[in-house]
């Protein structure tokens, strides 16, 4: 299990103010070589060790993550996530498997769930 972040942390980044829309977008997402990689560090960096050799990533965002264009997130060094991954946005985690048998205990496939409240 990979623990990510509190919703308030993402909210702080998404509510960045700037003089223009372009400045706000650059402040939130960063540029190809910009040093600002807060969004990347918060959302994506914790998964990097598990994505070696992976080209396609299926994501079913919830909550504020629906407001984030993952493909546009910059790590501030190597460009945007879209440059390294084929990011598939799914409306529900039921679409992750899409008829294929889930490869359990395999390094070539994994499933990520977020926002789970186990006490419900």
C-alpha atoms as a PDB file:
ATOM      1  CA  UNK A   1       0.000   0.000   0.000  1.00  0.00           C
ATOM      2  CA  UNK A   2       1.321   3.447  -0.914  1.00  0.00           C
ATOM      3  CA  UNK A   3       0.103   6.282   1.273  1.00  0.00           C
ATOM      4  CA  UNK A   4      -0.162   9.515  -0.654  1.00  0.00           C
ATOM      5  CA  UNK A   5      -1.405  12.776   0.805  1.00  0.00           C
ATOM      6  CA  UNK A   6      -4.141  14.594   2.643  1.00  0.00           C
ATOM      7  CA  UNK A   7      -6.798  16.306   0.545  1.00  0.00           C
ATOM      8  CA  UNK A   8      -5.879  19.648   2.120  1.00  0.00           C
ATOM      9  CA  UNK A   9      -2.334  19.360   0.689  1.00  0.00           C
ATOM     10  CA  UNK A  10      -3.690  18.957  -2.851  1.00  0.00           C
ATOM     11  CA  UNK A  11      -6.196  21.721  -2.256  1.00  0.00           C
ATOM     12  CA  UNK A  12      -3.377  24.098  -1.264  1.00  0.00           C
ATOM     13  CA  UNK A  13      -1.575  23.457  -4.552  1.00  0.00           C
ATOM     14  CA  UNK A  14      -4.699  23.682  -6.735  1.00  0.00           C
ATOM     15  CA  UNK A  15      -5.773  26.955  -5.131  1.00  0.00           C
ATOM     16  CA  UNK A  16      -2.552  28.718  -6.098  1.00  0.00           C
ATOM     17  CA  UNK A  17      -3.209  32.302  -7.133  1.00  0.00           C
ATOM     18  CA  UNK A  18      -1.426  34.066  -9.982  1.00  0.00           C
ATOM     19  CA  UNK A  19      -1.751  37.170 -12.113  1.00  0.00           C
ATOM     20  CA  UNK A  20      -2.828  35.242 -15.228  1.00  0.00           C
ATOM     21  CA  UNK A  21      -4.207  31.833 -16.158  1.00  0.00           C
ATOM     22  CA  UNK A  22      -0.888  30.869 -17.788  1.00  0.00           C
ATOM     23  CA  UNK A  23       1.053  31.793 -14.650  1.00  0.00           C
ATOM     24  CA  UNK A  24      -1.408  29.806 -12.527  1.00  0.00           C
ATOM     25  CA  UNK A  25      -1.085  26.746 -14.783  1.00  0.00           C
ATOM     26  CA  UNK A  26       2.710  26.966 -14.645  1.00  0.00           C
ATOM     27  CA  UNK A  27       2.577  27.397 -10.868  1.00  0.00           C
ATOM     28  CA  UNK A  28       0.365  24.324 -10.408  1.00  0.00           C
ATOM     29  CA  UNK A  29       1.758  21.956 -13.051  1.00  0.00           C
ATOM     30  CA  UNK A  30       5.238  23.329 -13.590  1.00  0.00           C
ATOM     31  CA  UNK A  31       7.011  23.556 -16.911  1.00  0.00           C
ATOM     32  CA  UNK A  32       9.166  21.040 -18.695  1.00  0.00           C
ATOM     33  CA  UNK A  33      12.292  22.156 -16.826  1.00  0.00           C
ATOM     34  CA  UNK A  34      10.795  24.368 -14.112  1.00  0.00           C
ATOM     35  CA  UNK A  35      11.951  23.716 -10.553  1.00  0.00           C
ATOM     36  CA  UNK A  36       8.355  23.661  -9.215  1.00  0.00           C
ATOM     37  CA  UNK A  37       7.362  20.024  -8.892  1.00  0.00           C
ATOM     38  CA  UNK A  38       5.036  20.140  -5.868  1.00  0.00           C
ATOM     39  CA  UNK A  39       2.165  18.414  -7.652  1.00  0.00           C
ATOM     40  CA  UNK A  40       4.492  15.720  -8.982  1.00  0.00           C
ATOM     41  CA  UNK A  41       6.014  15.155  -5.533  1.00  0.00           C
ATOM     42  CA  UNK A  42       2.603  14.940  -3.904  1.00  0.00           C
ATOM     43  CA  UNK A  43       0.762  12.730  -6.402  1.00  0.00           C
ATOM     44  CA  UNK A  44       3.210  10.814  -8.581  1.00  0.00           C
ATOM     45  CA  UNK A  45       6.637  10.529  -6.955  1.00  0.00           C
ATOM     46  CA  UNK A  46       5.547   7.924  -4.369  1.00  0.00           C
ATOM     47  CA  UNK A  47       4.679   5.559  -7.267  1.00  0.00           C
ATOM     48  CA  UNK A  48       7.909   5.992  -9.253  1.00  0.00           C
ATOM     49  CA  UNK A  49       9.723   3.023  -7.650  1.00  0.00           C
ATOM     50  CA  UNK A  50       6.856   0.735  -8.738  1.00  0.00           C
ATOM     51  CA  UNK A  51       6.642   2.025 -12.317  1.00  0.00           C
ATOM     52  CA  UNK A  52      10.022   0.928 -13.638  1.00  0.00           C
ATOM     53  CA  UNK A  53       9.451  -0.625 -17.045  1.00  0.00           C
ATOM     54  CA  UNK A  54       5.746   0.342 -17.016  1.00  0.00           C
ATOM     55  CA  UNK A  55       4.440   2.357 -19.978  1.00  0.00           C
ATOM     56  CA  UNK A  56       0.653   2.313 -19.420  1.00  0.00           C
ATOM     57  CA  UNK A  57      -0.881   3.433 -16.131  1.00  0.00           C
ATOM     58  CA  UNK A  58      -4.620   3.114 -15.432  1.00  0.00           C
ATOM     59  CA  UNK A  59      -5.961   5.751 -13.039  1.00  0.00           C
ATOM     60  CA  UNK A  60      -9.440   6.111 -11.576  1.00  0.00           C
ATOM     61  CA  UNK A  61      -9.295   9.468  -9.782  1.00  0.00           C
ATOM     62  CA  UNK A  62     -11.629  10.506  -7.005  1.00  0.00           C
ATOM     63  CA  UNK A  63     -12.306  13.764  -5.201  1.00  0.00           C
ATOM     64  CA  UNK A  64      -9.962  16.609  -6.090  1.00  0.00           C
ATOM     65  CA  UNK A  65      -7.881  14.344  -8.320  1.00  0.00           C
ATOM     66  CA  UNK A  66     -10.597  14.795 -10.954  1.00  0.00           C
ATOM     67  CA  UNK A  67      -9.346  18.376 -11.296  1.00  0.00           C
ATOM     68  CA  UNK A  68      -5.771  17.319 -12.045  1.00  0.00           C
ATOM     69  CA  UNK A  69      -4.524  16.642 -15.548  1.00  0.00           C
ATOM     70  CA  UNK A  70      -1.979  13.948 -14.706  1.00  0.00           C
ATOM     71  CA  UNK A  71      -0.524  14.008 -18.198  1.00  0.00           C
ATOM     72  CA  UNK A  72       0.379  17.692 -17.679  1.00  0.00           C
ATOM     73  CA  UNK A  73       2.221  17.198 -14.387  1.00  0.00           C
ATOM     74  CA  UNK A  74       5.924  18.054 -14.662  1.00  0.00           C
ATOM     75  CA  UNK A  75       8.642  16.540 -12.531  1.00  0.00           C
ATOM     76  CA  UNK A  76      10.717  19.677 -13.163  1.00  0.00           C
ATOM     77  CA  UNK A  77      13.584  17.676 -14.654  1.00  0.00           C
ATOM     78  CA  UNK A  78      12.564  15.217 -17.355  1.00  0.00           C
ATOM     79  CA  UNK A  79       9.407  16.803 -18.703  1.00  0.00           C
ATOM     80  CA  UNK A  80       5.785  15.843 -18.310  1.00  0.00           C
ATOM     81  CA  UNK A  81       4.246  12.530 -17.277  1.00  0.00           C
ATOM     82  CA  UNK A  82       2.725  12.220 -20.760  1.00  0.00           C
ATOM     83  CA  UNK A  83       6.284  12.053 -22.100  1.00  0.00           C
ATOM     84  CA  UNK A  84       6.939   8.864 -20.094  1.00  0.00           C
ATOM     85  CA  UNK A  85       3.565   7.159 -19.628  1.00  0.00           C
ATOM     86  CA  UNK A  86       0.386   6.315 -21.466  1.00  0.00           C
ATOM     87  CA  UNK A  87      -2.048   7.465 -18.756  1.00  0.00           C
ATOM     88  CA  UNK A  88      -5.524   5.972 -19.071  1.00  0.00           C
ATOM     89  CA  UNK A  89      -8.180   7.764 -17.014  1.00  0.00           C
ATOM     90  CA  UNK A  90     -10.966   5.388 -15.979  1.00  0.00           C
ATOM     91  CA  UNK A  91     -14.348   6.429 -14.591  1.00  0.00           C
ATOM     92  CA  UNK A  92     -14.431   3.475 -12.207  1.00  0.00           C
ATOM     93  CA  UNK A  93     -11.993   0.924 -10.853  1.00  0.00           C
ATOM     94  CA  UNK A  94     -14.292  -1.749 -12.291  1.00  0.00           C
ATOM     95  CA  UNK A  95     -12.785  -0.820 -15.690  1.00  0.00           C
ATOM     96  CA  UNK A  96      -9.217  -1.558 -14.581  1.00  0.00           C
ATOM     97  CA  UNK A  97      -9.414  -5.221 -15.441  1.00  0.00           C
ATOM     98  CA  UNK A  98     -11.598  -4.759 -18.550  1.00  0.00           C
ATOM     99  CA  UNK A  99     -12.094  -8.471 -19.037  1.00  0.00           C
ATOM    100  CA  UNK A 100      -8.467  -9.492 -18.539  1.00  0.00           C
ATOM    101  CA  UNK A 101      -7.456 -11.651 -15.639  1.00  0.00           C
ATOM    102  CA  UNK A 102      -5.627  -9.542 -13.063  1.00  0.00           C
ATOM    103  CA  UNK A 103      -1.989 -10.550 -12.847  1.00  0.00           C
ATOM    104  CA  UNK A 104      -1.603 -10.914  -9.100  1.00  0.00           C
ATOM    105  CA  UNK A 105       1.872 -11.178  -7.607  1.00  0.00           C
ATOM    106  CA  UNK A 106       3.403  -9.932 -10.831  1.00  0.00           C
ATOM    107  CA  UNK A 107       5.721  -6.969 -11.308  1.00  0.00           C
ATOM    108  CA  UNK A 108       4.077  -6.198 -14.643  1.00  0.00           C
ATOM    109  CA  UNK A 109       0.673  -5.202 -13.243  1.00  0.00           C
ATOM    110  CA  UNK A 110      -0.716  -3.606 -10.139  1.00  0.00           C
ATOM    111  CA  UNK A 111      -3.870  -1.848  -8.997  1.00  0.00           C
ATOM    112  CA  UNK A 112      -4.101   1.318  -6.911  1.00  0.00           C
ATOM    113  CA  UNK A 113      -7.106   2.348  -4.841  1.00  0.00           C
ATOM    114  CA  UNK A 114      -7.454   5.628  -2.969  1.00  0.00           C
ATOM    115  CA  UNK A 115      -9.846   7.306  -0.589  1.00  0.00           C
ATOM    116  CA  UNK A 116     -10.982   4.007   0.916  1.00  0.00           C
ATOM    117  CA  UNK A 117     -12.819   4.289   4.218  1.00  0.00           C
ATOM    118  CA  UNK A 118     -12.535   0.854   5.794  1.00  0.00           C
ATOM    119  CA  UNK A 119     -14.737   1.790   8.757  1.00  0.00           C
ATOM    120  CA  UNK A 120     -17.872   2.183   6.629  1.00  0.00           C
END
